[in-house]
Each structure stands twice: as structure tokens, then as C-alpha cells.
Amino acid sequence: MAKQVDTSRISEFCSLLFPVLNEMDLLPKRLGARPTKYEKYPRLLLGLIRRYNSVEAGFREWESKILRDARRKEEHFPDLVRVFEWMKENKDLFEDRKDTLQYLSQSLYGRLYNYLYPRRLLINEYIQTFKGRTEAAEEAFIDSHFDGAISQNINKLEEIYSTEEIKALKNEVKGYLKARSSYFKKALSGEVPEEEIETTIEEVE
């Protein structure tokens, strides 16, 4: 009998992996980015696991590659370790499971878009609201003006997400903006081209 794809554990894996990649600036900053920009680093991980049929061998090579490109790596390295530990504990999900790897590869773009959509929507609304005002990237300004600036898209998101999820999203996005004050000052002033509000990380060879 063919094994069924464990979509529940796959979703749990994505919920651990995607936030780490996002915080390390390894996911696009623009929703309109090409699908390959979304999928690049997760697909690389899956490909290496498939190559070696080993979570440990695949993850270690992948980790070495992404750490060369990642930002804020010291802060978020423990989160990366947690992903690795989960994958080792659930290696039966990946090893000798070409069906799982194939399914996950094919569903990556949708899963990543679903993850990034509310986050980028709120960031983009905030940037557009205060375009030309670089002080909007300062921590105190964000704390004072964020909620009012994103009200239009919050109304949209309230149709999809619960009150608790909205609250968590708002806190997460505020933290994301504060941690990248220099970058978003450039975005607010127009120094960063719109197509560049995405990623400046080079392709992995």
C-alpha cells in the first residue's frame, strides 16, 4: 500500500522553517517577486536531502550555503538549530520519501505566498502611507503610527485571520520594520527601487 503524504507534519515543518528564512532576509520582500525567489532556499534544502537521502547530510550542506548569504545570522542561528532538531526527530518524513519531497516542492510557492502575504501586505501599506518620510523607520514612530497606517489592510485580513492571529502579525511586522530601520529608511526615501524591495542576496551556485 502506498504511503500517504503527512500534510500535518509538512505544515508544521513549514511553520518552523519559513519564519527563520524570513528573519534572515532569505525570502523576498515583495509579493510580486518571481516564484523562484520564493522557493530558492527551501527548494535547495529539499534537493540536498533528496540527493543524499539523509536529513543530516542535506541540512548541513544547506546550512553552510545559506549562512553565507543570511543576515542577522547570530540572532537567529538558534532558530535554525531548532529546525534541524525537528527534522532529525521527524526524519522519516523526508528520508526514503520521494513522494513527500515531491509534494512539498510542488506546494512550496503556495505555502510561501500564504505565509508572506499578510506580512508583506502590512509592510507595503505602511511604506506607502509614509513614503518620503524617513522618520517612519524609527522605532518610536513605528510604535506610535503603525496601527493607524495599516487600517485598510487590517480590515481585509480580519476576514481571513482570527483576532489573536492579527495581533501576532502586527507585533511581528513591527519588529521586522524596527530591525531593518536602515533598509526601510532607504525604501521610504525611494533609494531602493520597487523591484529591489525584495532581496539583494545573490543566487546560490
N, C-alpha and C. Protein backbone atom coordinates (compact mmCIF):
# COMPACT_ATOMS: atom_id res chain seq x y z
N MET A 1 0.85 -1.20 0.00
CA MET A 1 0.00 0.00 0.00
C MET A 1 0.88 1.25 0.00
N ALA A 2 0.54 2.20 -0.83
CA ALA A 2 1.32 3.43 -0.92
C ALA A 2 1.16 4.25 0.37
N LYS A 3 2.26 4.86 0.79
CA LYS A 3 2.20 5.71 1.98
C LYS A 3 1.51 7.02 1.63
N GLN A 4 0.77 7.54 2.59
CA GLN A 4 0.12 8.83 2.39
C GLN A 4 1.07 9.95 2.80
N VAL A 5 0.97 11.07 2.10
CA VAL A 5 1.77 12.24 2.45
C VAL A 5 1.20 12.83 3.74
N ASP A 6 2.06 13.06 4.69
CA ASP A 6 1.66 13.58 6.00
C ASP A 6 1.59 15.11 5.94
N THR A 7 0.46 15.63 5.50
CA THR A 7 0.34 17.07 5.30
C THR A 7 0.39 17.84 6.62
N SER A 8 -0.02 17.20 7.70
CA SER A 8 0.01 17.87 9.01
C SER A 8 1.44 18.16 9.44
N ARG A 9 2.31 17.16 9.32
CA ARG A 9 3.71 17.38 9.70
C ARG A 9 4.43 18.28 8.70
N ILE A 10 4.05 18.21 7.45
CA ILE A 10 4.64 19.11 6.45
C ILE A 10 4.31 20.56 6.80
N SER A 11 3.08 20.81 7.20
CA SER A 11 2.69 22.17 7.60
C SER A 11 3.46 22.61 8.84
N GLU A 12 3.67 21.69 9.77
CA GLU A 12 4.44 22.03 10.97
C GLU A 12 5.88 22.38 10.60
N PHE A 13 6.46 21.61 9.69
CA PHE A 13 7.82 21.89 9.20
C PHE A 13 7.90 23.28 8.59
N CYS A 14 6.94 23.61 7.74
CA CYS A 14 6.93 24.94 7.10
C CYS A 14 6.78 26.05 8.12
N SER A 15 5.98 25.81 9.16
CA SER A 15 5.76 26.84 10.18
C SER A 15 7.02 27.09 10.99
N LEU A 16 7.96 26.16 10.99
CA LEU A 16 9.25 26.35 11.66
C LEU A 16 10.27 26.98 10.72
N LEU A 17 10.28 26.51 9.48
CA LEU A 17 11.31 26.94 8.52
C LEU A 17 11.09 28.36 8.00
N PHE A 18 9.88 28.67 7.59
CA PHE A 18 9.63 29.96 6.92
C PHE A 18 9.97 31.17 7.77
N PRO A 19 9.59 31.21 9.06
CA PRO A 19 9.95 32.38 9.86
C PRO A 19 11.46 32.59 9.99
N VAL A 20 12.22 31.49 10.06
CA VAL A 20 13.68 31.62 10.16
C VAL A 20 14.24 32.24 8.88
N LEU A 21 13.79 31.75 7.74
CA LEU A 21 14.26 32.30 6.47
C LEU A 21 13.86 33.76 6.33
N ASN A 22 12.68 34.09 6.79
CA ASN A 22 12.20 35.47 6.71
C ASN A 22 13.06 36.39 7.57
N GLU A 23 13.34 35.98 8.79
CA GLU A 23 14.13 36.81 9.69
C GLU A 23 15.57 36.94 9.24
N MET A 24 16.07 35.96 8.51
CA MET A 24 17.43 36.03 7.98
C MET A 24 17.48 36.73 6.62
N ASP A 25 16.35 37.29 6.20
CA ASP A 25 16.24 38.01 4.92
C ASP A 25 16.55 37.12 3.73
N LEU A 26 16.07 35.90 3.78
CA LEU A 26 16.26 34.95 2.69
C LEU A 26 14.97 34.69 1.91
N LEU A 27 13.95 35.48 2.21
CA LEU A 27 12.69 35.44 1.46
C LEU A 27 12.45 36.81 0.85
N PRO A 28 11.73 36.88 -0.27
CA PRO A 28 11.54 38.17 -0.95
C PRO A 28 10.76 39.17 -0.11
N LYS A 29 11.08 40.43 -0.30
CA LYS A 29 10.37 41.50 0.40
C LYS A 29 9.17 41.99 -0.40
N ARG A 30 8.98 41.46 -1.59
CA ARG A 30 7.90 41.92 -2.47
C ARG A 30 7.02 40.74 -2.87
N LEU A 31 5.72 40.90 -2.70
CA LEU A 31 4.79 39.81 -3.03
C LEU A 31 4.83 39.45 -4.51
N GLY A 32 5.15 40.43 -5.36
CA GLY A 32 5.18 40.18 -6.80
C GLY A 32 6.47 39.57 -7.30
N ALA A 33 7.34 39.15 -6.38
CA ALA A 33 8.60 38.52 -6.79
C ALA A 33 8.32 37.23 -7.56
N ARG A 34 9.28 36.84 -8.39
CA ARG A 34 9.14 35.60 -9.16
C ARG A 34 9.04 34.40 -8.21
N PRO A 35 8.28 33.38 -8.59
CA PRO A 35 8.18 32.18 -7.75
C PRO A 35 9.54 31.60 -7.38
N THR A 36 10.51 31.68 -8.28
CA THR A 36 11.84 31.15 -7.98
C THR A 36 12.50 31.87 -6.81
N LYS A 37 12.16 33.16 -6.62
CA LYS A 37 12.70 33.91 -5.49
C LYS A 37 12.11 33.40 -4.18
N TYR A 38 10.84 33.04 -4.23
CA TYR A 38 10.19 32.48 -3.04
C TYR A 38 10.82 31.13 -2.68
N GLU A 39 10.97 30.30 -3.69
CA GLU A 39 11.28 28.89 -3.47
C GLU A 39 12.76 28.58 -3.30
N LYS A 40 13.61 29.53 -3.63
CA LYS A 40 15.04 29.27 -3.78
C LYS A 40 15.67 28.48 -2.63
N TYR A 41 15.58 28.98 -1.43
CA TYR A 41 16.28 28.34 -0.31
C TYR A 41 15.56 27.09 0.21
N PRO A 42 14.24 27.08 0.34
CA PRO A 42 13.58 25.83 0.73
C PRO A 42 13.78 24.72 -0.30
N ARG A 43 13.71 25.06 -1.60
CA ARG A 43 13.89 24.06 -2.64
C ARG A 43 15.31 23.49 -2.61
N LEU A 44 16.28 24.34 -2.31
CA LEU A 44 17.66 23.87 -2.20
C LEU A 44 17.78 22.83 -1.09
N LEU A 45 17.13 23.09 0.05
CA LEU A 45 17.17 22.13 1.16
C LEU A 45 16.56 20.80 0.75
N LEU A 46 15.42 20.83 0.11
CA LEU A 46 14.76 19.59 -0.30
C LEU A 46 15.60 18.83 -1.32
N GLY A 47 16.23 19.57 -2.22
CA GLY A 47 17.08 18.93 -3.23
C GLY A 47 18.28 18.24 -2.63
N LEU A 48 18.87 18.84 -1.60
CA LEU A 48 20.04 18.23 -0.96
C LEU A 48 19.65 17.01 -0.13
N ILE A 49 18.49 17.06 0.50
CA ILE A 49 18.01 15.88 1.23
C ILE A 49 17.74 14.74 0.25
N ARG A 50 17.16 15.08 -0.90
CA ARG A 50 16.90 14.07 -1.92
C ARG A 50 18.22 13.49 -2.44
N ARG A 51 19.21 14.34 -2.64
CA ARG A 51 20.49 13.88 -3.18
C ARG A 51 21.15 12.85 -2.26
N TYR A 52 21.17 13.14 -0.96
CA TYR A 52 21.88 12.27 -0.02
C TYR A 52 20.97 11.26 0.67
N ASN A 53 19.65 11.44 0.50
CA ASN A 53 18.67 10.65 1.25
C ASN A 53 19.00 10.66 2.74
N SER A 54 19.38 11.84 3.22
CA SER A 54 19.77 12.00 4.62
C SER A 54 19.45 13.42 5.07
N VAL A 55 18.64 13.53 6.12
CA VAL A 55 18.33 14.86 6.66
C VAL A 55 19.60 15.54 7.14
N GLU A 56 20.44 14.80 7.87
CA GLU A 56 21.63 15.44 8.45
C GLU A 56 22.60 15.91 7.37
N ALA A 57 22.91 15.06 6.40
CA ALA A 57 23.85 15.44 5.34
C ALA A 57 23.29 16.60 4.51
N GLY A 58 22.02 16.50 4.16
CA GLY A 58 21.41 17.56 3.35
C GLY A 58 21.34 18.87 4.08
N PHE A 59 20.92 18.82 5.34
CA PHE A 59 20.77 20.06 6.11
C PHE A 59 22.12 20.73 6.33
N ARG A 60 23.14 19.95 6.65
CA ARG A 60 24.45 20.53 6.94
C ARG A 60 25.03 21.26 5.73
N GLU A 61 24.88 20.68 4.55
CA GLU A 61 25.37 21.37 3.35
C GLU A 61 24.53 22.62 3.08
N TRP A 62 23.22 22.49 3.23
CA TRP A 62 22.31 23.63 3.03
C TRP A 62 22.61 24.75 4.00
N GLU A 63 22.80 24.39 5.25
CA GLU A 63 23.09 25.37 6.30
C GLU A 63 24.34 26.17 5.96
N SER A 64 25.37 25.48 5.49
CA SER A 64 26.62 26.15 5.12
C SER A 64 26.40 27.15 4.00
N LYS A 65 25.57 26.78 3.03
CA LYS A 65 25.29 27.68 1.91
C LYS A 65 24.50 28.91 2.35
N ILE A 66 23.45 28.71 3.13
CA ILE A 66 22.59 29.85 3.46
C ILE A 66 23.24 30.80 4.45
N LEU A 67 24.10 30.28 5.32
CA LEU A 67 24.75 31.16 6.29
C LEU A 67 25.69 32.14 5.61
N ARG A 68 26.16 31.80 4.42
CA ARG A 68 27.00 32.75 3.67
C ARG A 68 26.17 33.94 3.20
N ASP A 69 24.88 33.72 2.96
CA ASP A 69 24.01 34.75 2.40
C ASP A 69 23.16 35.47 3.45
N ALA A 70 22.96 34.81 4.58
CA ALA A 70 21.98 35.30 5.55
C ALA A 70 22.45 36.55 6.27
N ARG A 71 21.46 37.36 6.67
CA ARG A 71 21.70 38.49 7.57
C ARG A 71 21.16 38.11 8.95
N ARG A 72 21.63 38.83 9.97
CA ARG A 72 21.15 38.61 11.34
C ARG A 72 21.32 37.14 11.75
N LYS A 73 22.40 36.51 11.25
CA LYS A 73 22.58 35.07 11.48
C LYS A 73 22.86 34.74 12.94
N GLU A 74 23.60 35.62 13.64
CA GLU A 74 23.90 35.32 15.04
C GLU A 74 22.63 35.29 15.88
N GLU A 75 21.74 36.23 15.61
CA GLU A 75 20.50 36.33 16.37
C GLU A 75 19.59 35.13 16.13
N HIS A 76 19.55 34.66 14.89
CA HIS A 76 18.57 33.64 14.53
C HIS A 76 19.16 32.25 14.30
N PHE A 77 20.46 32.09 14.55
CA PHE A 77 21.05 30.76 14.41
C PHE A 77 20.39 29.73 15.34
N PRO A 78 20.06 30.09 16.60
CA PRO A 78 19.36 29.11 17.44
C PRO A 78 18.05 28.63 16.84
N ASP A 79 17.36 29.50 16.11
CA ASP A 79 16.11 29.10 15.44
C ASP A 79 16.39 28.08 14.34
N LEU A 80 17.52 28.27 13.65
CA LEU A 80 17.92 27.34 12.61
C LEU A 80 18.23 25.97 13.22
N VAL A 81 18.88 25.98 14.37
CA VAL A 81 19.18 24.73 15.08
C VAL A 81 17.88 24.01 15.45
N ARG A 82 16.88 24.77 15.87
CA ARG A 82 15.60 24.15 16.24
C ARG A 82 14.94 23.48 15.03
N VAL A 83 15.07 24.09 13.87
CA VAL A 83 14.55 23.47 12.65
C VAL A 83 15.27 22.14 12.40
N PHE A 84 16.59 22.15 12.54
CA PHE A 84 17.39 20.94 12.32
C PHE A 84 17.00 19.84 13.29
N GLU A 85 16.83 20.20 14.57
CA GLU A 85 16.46 19.20 15.58
C GLU A 85 15.10 18.59 15.25
N TRP A 86 14.16 19.43 14.83
CA TRP A 86 12.83 18.92 14.46
C TRP A 86 12.95 17.98 13.28
N MET A 87 13.75 18.34 12.30
CA MET A 87 13.90 17.50 11.11
C MET A 87 14.54 16.16 11.45
N LYS A 88 15.50 16.16 12.36
CA LYS A 88 16.11 14.89 12.77
C LYS A 88 15.09 14.01 13.49
N GLU A 89 14.27 14.64 14.33
CA GLU A 89 13.25 13.88 15.06
C GLU A 89 12.17 13.34 14.12
N ASN A 90 12.02 14.00 12.98
CA ASN A 90 10.99 13.61 12.01
C ASN A 90 11.61 13.20 10.68
N LYS A 91 12.77 12.57 10.75
CA LYS A 91 13.48 12.25 9.51
C LYS A 91 12.72 11.25 8.64
N ASP A 92 11.83 10.47 9.27
CA ASP A 92 11.01 9.54 8.49
C ASP A 92 10.08 10.25 7.52
N LEU A 93 9.88 11.56 7.75
CA LEU A 93 9.05 12.35 6.84
C LEU A 93 9.78 12.64 5.53
N PHE A 94 11.12 12.62 5.58
CA PHE A 94 11.94 13.04 4.44
C PHE A 94 12.77 11.91 3.81
N GLU A 95 13.37 11.07 4.63
CA GLU A 95 14.26 10.04 4.11
C GLU A 95 13.45 8.87 3.53
N ASP A 96 13.87 8.43 2.35
CA ASP A 96 13.14 7.38 1.62
C ASP A 96 11.68 7.78 1.36
N ARG A 97 11.45 9.09 1.23
CA ARG A 97 10.10 9.59 0.97
C ARG A 97 10.12 10.59 -0.18
N LYS A 98 10.40 10.07 -1.36
CA LYS A 98 10.41 10.94 -2.55
C LYS A 98 9.04 11.57 -2.78
N ASP A 99 7.99 10.87 -2.35
CA ASP A 99 6.64 11.42 -2.53
C ASP A 99 6.45 12.69 -1.70
N THR A 100 6.96 12.67 -0.46
CA THR A 100 6.86 13.85 0.40
C THR A 100 7.67 15.00 -0.17
N LEU A 101 8.89 14.71 -0.57
CA LEU A 101 9.76 15.76 -1.11
C LEU A 101 9.17 16.35 -2.39
N GLN A 102 8.59 15.49 -3.21
CA GLN A 102 7.97 15.96 -4.45
C GLN A 102 6.75 16.83 -4.15
N TYR A 103 5.91 16.35 -3.25
CA TYR A 103 4.71 17.11 -2.88
C TYR A 103 5.09 18.47 -2.30
N LEU A 104 6.06 18.48 -1.41
CA LEU A 104 6.47 19.73 -0.78
C LEU A 104 7.07 20.69 -1.79
N SER A 105 7.89 20.16 -2.71
CA SER A 105 8.47 21.00 -3.76
C SER A 105 7.38 21.66 -4.61
N GLN A 106 6.35 20.88 -4.93
CA GLN A 106 5.28 21.39 -5.79
C GLN A 106 4.34 22.35 -5.07
N SER A 107 4.28 22.26 -3.74
CA SER A 107 3.38 23.14 -2.99
C SER A 107 4.10 24.31 -2.33
N LEU A 108 5.42 24.41 -2.54
CA LEU A 108 6.21 25.44 -1.86
C LEU A 108 5.73 26.85 -2.14
N TYR A 109 5.53 27.17 -3.41
CA TYR A 109 5.18 28.55 -3.76
C TYR A 109 3.89 28.98 -3.07
N GLY A 110 2.89 28.12 -3.12
CA GLY A 110 1.62 28.46 -2.48
C GLY A 110 1.76 28.61 -0.98
N ARG A 111 2.53 27.72 -0.36
CA ARG A 111 2.73 27.79 1.08
C ARG A 111 3.50 29.06 1.47
N LEU A 112 4.53 29.37 0.71
CA LEU A 112 5.33 30.57 1.00
C LEU A 112 4.52 31.84 0.77
N TYR A 113 3.75 31.86 -0.30
CA TYR A 113 2.93 33.05 -0.57
C TYR A 113 1.90 33.24 0.55
N ASN A 114 1.31 32.15 0.97
CA ASN A 114 0.34 32.20 2.06
C ASN A 114 0.97 32.75 3.34
N TYR A 115 2.23 32.37 3.58
CA TYR A 115 2.95 32.85 4.77
C TYR A 115 3.30 34.34 4.64
N LEU A 116 3.82 34.73 3.49
CA LEU A 116 4.30 36.10 3.32
C LEU A 116 3.19 37.12 3.07
N TYR A 117 2.08 36.68 2.52
CA TYR A 117 1.02 37.61 2.10
C TYR A 117 0.63 38.62 3.18
N PRO A 118 0.21 38.20 4.36
CA PRO A 118 -0.22 39.21 5.34
C PRO A 118 0.92 40.08 5.83
N ARG A 119 2.11 39.51 5.92
CA ARG A 119 3.26 40.26 6.41
C ARG A 119 3.68 41.35 5.43
N ARG A 120 3.80 40.98 4.16
CA ARG A 120 4.22 41.96 3.15
C ARG A 120 3.11 42.98 2.88
N LEU A 121 1.87 42.54 2.99
CA LEU A 121 0.75 43.46 2.77
C LEU A 121 0.81 44.61 3.77
N LEU A 122 1.04 44.30 5.03
CA LEU A 122 1.10 45.33 6.07
C LEU A 122 2.33 46.22 5.92
N ILE A 123 3.47 45.61 5.60
CA ILE A 123 4.69 46.41 5.39
C ILE A 123 4.51 47.36 4.23
N ASN A 124 3.99 46.86 3.13
CA ASN A 124 3.83 47.70 1.94
C ASN A 124 2.86 48.86 2.19
N GLU A 125 1.79 48.58 2.94
CA GLU A 125 0.85 49.67 3.25
C GLU A 125 1.52 50.73 4.12
N TYR A 126 2.30 50.28 5.08
CA TYR A 126 2.99 51.22 5.97
C TYR A 126 3.97 52.09 5.17
N ILE A 127 4.75 51.46 4.30
CA ILE A 127 5.73 52.20 3.49
C ILE A 127 5.03 53.19 2.57
N GLN A 128 3.95 52.77 1.94
CA GLN A 128 3.23 53.66 1.03
C GLN A 128 2.58 54.83 1.78
N THR A 129 2.10 54.57 2.98
CA THR A 129 1.47 55.63 3.77
C THR A 129 2.45 56.74 4.11
N PHE A 130 3.69 56.36 4.41
CA PHE A 130 4.68 57.35 4.87
C PHE A 130 5.81 57.56 3.86
N LYS A 131 5.53 57.29 2.60
CA LYS A 131 6.55 57.46 1.56
C LYS A 131 7.12 58.88 1.61
N GLY A 132 8.45 58.98 1.61
CA GLY A 132 9.11 60.27 1.66
C GLY A 132 9.44 60.72 3.07
N ARG A 133 8.96 60.02 4.07
CA ARG A 133 9.22 60.39 5.47
C ARG A 133 10.11 59.33 6.12
N THR A 134 11.40 59.56 6.11
CA THR A 134 12.34 58.55 6.61
C THR A 134 12.22 58.32 8.11
N GLU A 135 11.65 59.30 8.83
CA GLU A 135 11.48 59.11 10.27
C GLU A 135 10.50 57.98 10.58
N ALA A 136 9.74 57.56 9.57
CA ALA A 136 8.78 56.47 9.77
C ALA A 136 9.47 55.13 10.00
N ALA A 137 10.78 55.07 9.79
CA ALA A 137 11.53 53.84 10.05
C ALA A 137 12.08 53.79 11.47
N GLU A 138 11.87 54.86 12.24
CA GLU A 138 12.36 54.90 13.62
C GLU A 138 11.41 54.15 14.55
N GLU A 139 11.99 53.53 15.57
CA GLU A 139 11.21 52.68 16.48
C GLU A 139 10.04 53.42 17.13
N ALA A 140 10.28 54.62 17.65
CA ALA A 140 9.22 55.36 18.34
C ALA A 140 8.09 55.72 17.37
N PHE A 141 8.45 56.07 16.15
CA PHE A 141 7.44 56.43 15.14
C PHE A 141 6.59 55.21 14.80
N ILE A 142 7.25 54.08 14.62
CA ILE A 142 6.52 52.84 14.31
C ILE A 142 5.53 52.52 15.42
N ASP A 143 5.99 52.61 16.67
CA ASP A 143 5.10 52.31 17.80
C ASP A 143 3.88 53.23 17.83
N SER A 144 4.09 54.49 17.46
CA SER A 144 3.01 55.48 17.54
C SER A 144 2.05 55.45 16.36
N HIS A 145 2.56 55.10 15.18
CA HIS A 145 1.77 55.28 13.96
C HIS A 145 1.42 54.01 13.19
N PHE A 146 1.98 52.88 13.59
CA PHE A 146 1.81 51.66 12.79
C PHE A 146 0.35 51.26 12.64
N ASP A 147 -0.36 51.15 13.75
CA ASP A 147 -1.74 50.65 13.69
C ASP A 147 -2.62 51.51 12.80
N GLY A 148 -2.49 52.82 12.90
CA GLY A 148 -3.30 53.70 12.07
C GLY A 148 -2.96 53.61 10.60
N ALA A 149 -1.69 53.36 10.31
CA ALA A 149 -1.24 53.34 8.91
C ALA A 149 -1.70 52.10 8.16
N ILE A 150 -1.98 51.02 8.87
CA ILE A 150 -2.30 49.75 8.20
C ILE A 150 -3.77 49.38 8.31
N SER A 151 -4.60 50.32 8.70
CA SER A 151 -6.01 50.00 8.99
C SER A 151 -6.75 49.41 7.79
N GLN A 152 -6.43 49.88 6.58
CA GLN A 152 -7.14 49.40 5.40
C GLN A 152 -6.92 47.91 5.18
N ASN A 153 -5.66 47.49 5.25
CA ASN A 153 -5.37 46.07 5.02
C ASN A 153 -5.72 45.21 6.22
N ILE A 154 -5.70 45.78 7.41
CA ILE A 154 -6.15 45.02 8.58
C ILE A 154 -7.61 44.61 8.41
N ASN A 155 -8.41 45.50 7.87
CA ASN A 155 -9.82 45.16 7.61
C ASN A 155 -9.93 43.97 6.66
N LYS A 156 -9.04 43.93 5.67
CA LYS A 156 -9.01 42.81 4.72
C LYS A 156 -8.62 41.51 5.43
N LEU A 157 -7.57 41.61 6.23
CA LEU A 157 -7.03 40.42 6.89
C LEU A 157 -7.98 39.88 7.95
N GLU A 158 -8.79 40.74 8.53
CA GLU A 158 -9.73 40.30 9.56
C GLU A 158 -10.77 39.33 9.00
N GLU A 159 -10.92 39.33 7.68
CA GLU A 159 -11.85 38.39 7.04
C GLU A 159 -11.24 36.99 6.94
N ILE A 160 -9.91 36.93 7.12
CA ILE A 160 -9.20 35.66 6.93
C ILE A 160 -8.65 35.11 8.24
N TYR A 161 -8.14 36.01 9.09
CA TYR A 161 -7.43 35.61 10.30
C TYR A 161 -8.20 35.97 11.56
N SER A 162 -7.91 35.23 12.63
CA SER A 162 -8.55 35.49 13.92
C SER A 162 -7.95 36.73 14.57
N THR A 163 -8.61 37.21 15.61
CA THR A 163 -8.13 38.39 16.34
C THR A 163 -6.74 38.15 16.90
N GLU A 164 -6.51 36.97 17.45
CA GLU A 164 -5.20 36.65 18.02
C GLU A 164 -4.13 36.58 16.94
N GLU A 165 -4.48 36.02 15.80
CA GLU A 165 -3.52 35.94 14.68
C GLU A 165 -3.18 37.34 14.17
N ILE A 166 -4.17 38.22 14.10
CA ILE A 166 -3.93 39.59 13.65
C ILE A 166 -3.00 40.30 14.63
N LYS A 167 -3.25 40.13 15.91
CA LYS A 167 -2.41 40.75 16.94
C LYS A 167 -0.97 40.28 16.81
N ALA A 168 -0.78 38.97 16.63
CA ALA A 168 0.57 38.42 16.48
C ALA A 168 1.24 38.93 15.22
N LEU A 169 0.49 39.02 14.13
CA LEU A 169 1.03 39.53 12.86
C LEU A 169 1.50 40.97 13.00
N LYS A 170 0.69 41.81 13.65
CA LYS A 170 1.05 43.21 13.82
C LYS A 170 2.33 43.35 14.63
N ASN A 171 2.44 42.59 15.71
CA ASN A 171 3.65 42.65 16.53
C ASN A 171 4.87 42.16 15.76
N GLU A 172 4.68 41.10 14.99
CA GLU A 172 5.79 40.56 14.20
C GLU A 172 6.27 41.56 13.14
N VAL A 173 5.32 42.17 12.44
CA VAL A 173 5.68 43.11 11.38
C VAL A 173 6.35 44.35 11.95
N LYS A 174 5.87 44.83 13.08
CA LYS A 174 6.52 45.98 13.72
C LYS A 174 7.97 45.64 14.08
N GLY A 175 8.18 44.46 14.61
CA GLY A 175 9.54 44.04 14.93
C GLY A 175 10.42 43.93 13.70
N TYR A 176 9.83 43.45 12.61
CA TYR A 176 10.55 43.30 11.35
C TYR A 176 11.00 44.66 10.83
N LEU A 177 10.11 45.64 10.88
CA LEU A 177 10.45 47.00 10.43
C LEU A 177 11.54 47.61 11.30
N LYS A 178 11.41 47.48 12.60
CA LYS A 178 12.38 48.07 13.53
C LYS A 178 13.77 47.47 13.34
N ALA A 179 13.82 46.18 13.10
CA ALA A 179 15.11 45.50 12.96
C ALA A 179 15.82 45.86 11.66
N ARG A 180 15.08 46.47 10.73
CA ARG A 180 15.65 46.83 9.42
C ARG A 180 15.47 48.32 9.15
N SER A 181 15.69 49.11 10.17
CA SER A 181 15.46 50.55 10.09
C SER A 181 16.23 51.20 8.94
N SER A 182 17.50 50.85 8.78
CA SER A 182 18.32 51.45 7.72
C SER A 182 17.78 51.12 6.34
N TYR A 183 17.40 49.86 6.16
CA TYR A 183 16.86 49.44 4.86
C TYR A 183 15.57 50.19 4.55
N PHE A 184 14.67 50.25 5.52
CA PHE A 184 13.37 50.86 5.25
C PHE A 184 13.44 52.38 5.17
N LYS A 185 14.46 52.99 5.76
CA LYS A 185 14.68 54.42 5.52
C LYS A 185 14.96 54.66 4.04
N LYS A 186 15.76 53.80 3.46
CA LYS A 186 16.05 53.91 2.02
C LYS A 186 14.79 53.67 1.20
N ALA A 187 14.01 52.67 1.60
CA ALA A 187 12.77 52.38 0.88
C ALA A 187 11.80 53.56 0.96
N LEU A 188 11.70 54.18 2.13
CA LEU A 188 10.81 55.33 2.32
C LEU A 188 11.26 56.53 1.50
N SER A 189 12.57 56.67 1.35
CA SER A 189 13.10 57.82 0.60
C SER A 189 13.14 57.57 -0.90
N GLY A 190 12.84 56.33 -1.31
CA GLY A 190 12.85 56.00 -2.73
C GLY A 190 14.20 55.56 -3.25
N GLU A 191 15.17 55.36 -2.35
CA GLU A 191 16.51 54.94 -2.78
C GLU A 191 16.52 53.49 -3.23
N VAL A 192 15.63 52.68 -2.69
CA VAL A 192 15.55 51.28 -3.07
C VAL A 192 14.51 51.15 -4.17
N PRO A 193 14.90 50.73 -5.39
CA PRO A 193 13.93 50.56 -6.47
C PRO A 193 12.83 49.60 -6.05
N GLU A 194 11.62 49.80 -6.58
CA GLU A 194 10.50 48.96 -6.16
C GLU A 194 10.77 47.48 -6.38
N GLU A 195 11.42 47.16 -7.51
CA GLU A 195 11.69 45.75 -7.76
C GLU A 195 12.75 45.20 -6.82
N GLU A 196 13.47 46.11 -6.14
CA GLU A 196 14.53 45.69 -5.23
C GLU A 196 14.00 45.52 -3.82
N ILE A 197 12.77 45.96 -3.55
CA ILE A 197 12.19 45.75 -2.23
C ILE A 197 11.75 44.29 -2.19
N GLU A 198 12.75 43.45 -2.18
CA GLU A 198 12.54 42.03 -2.41
C GLU A 198 13.70 41.27 -1.80
N THR A 199 14.87 41.37 -2.41
CA THR A 199 16.06 40.75 -1.86
C THR A 199 17.27 41.24 -2.62
N THR A 200 18.38 41.39 -1.92
CA THR A 200 19.62 41.77 -2.58
C THR A 200 20.64 40.64 -2.46
N ILE A 201 20.18 39.49 -2.03
CA ILE A 201 21.07 38.35 -1.82
C ILE A 201 21.35 37.66 -3.14
N GLU A 202 22.60 37.33 -3.36
CA GLU A 202 23.00 36.70 -4.62
C GLU A 202 22.49 35.27 -4.69
N GLU A 203 22.38 34.80 -5.91
CA GLU A 203 21.95 33.42 -6.14
C GLU A 203 23.00 32.45 -5.63
N VAL A 204 22.54 31.33 -5.07
CA VAL A 204 23.45 30.27 -4.66
C VAL A 204 23.86 29.49 -5.89
N GLU A 205 25.13 29.23 -6.02
CA GLU A 205 25.61 28.48 -7.18
C GLU A 205 25.34 26.99 -6.98
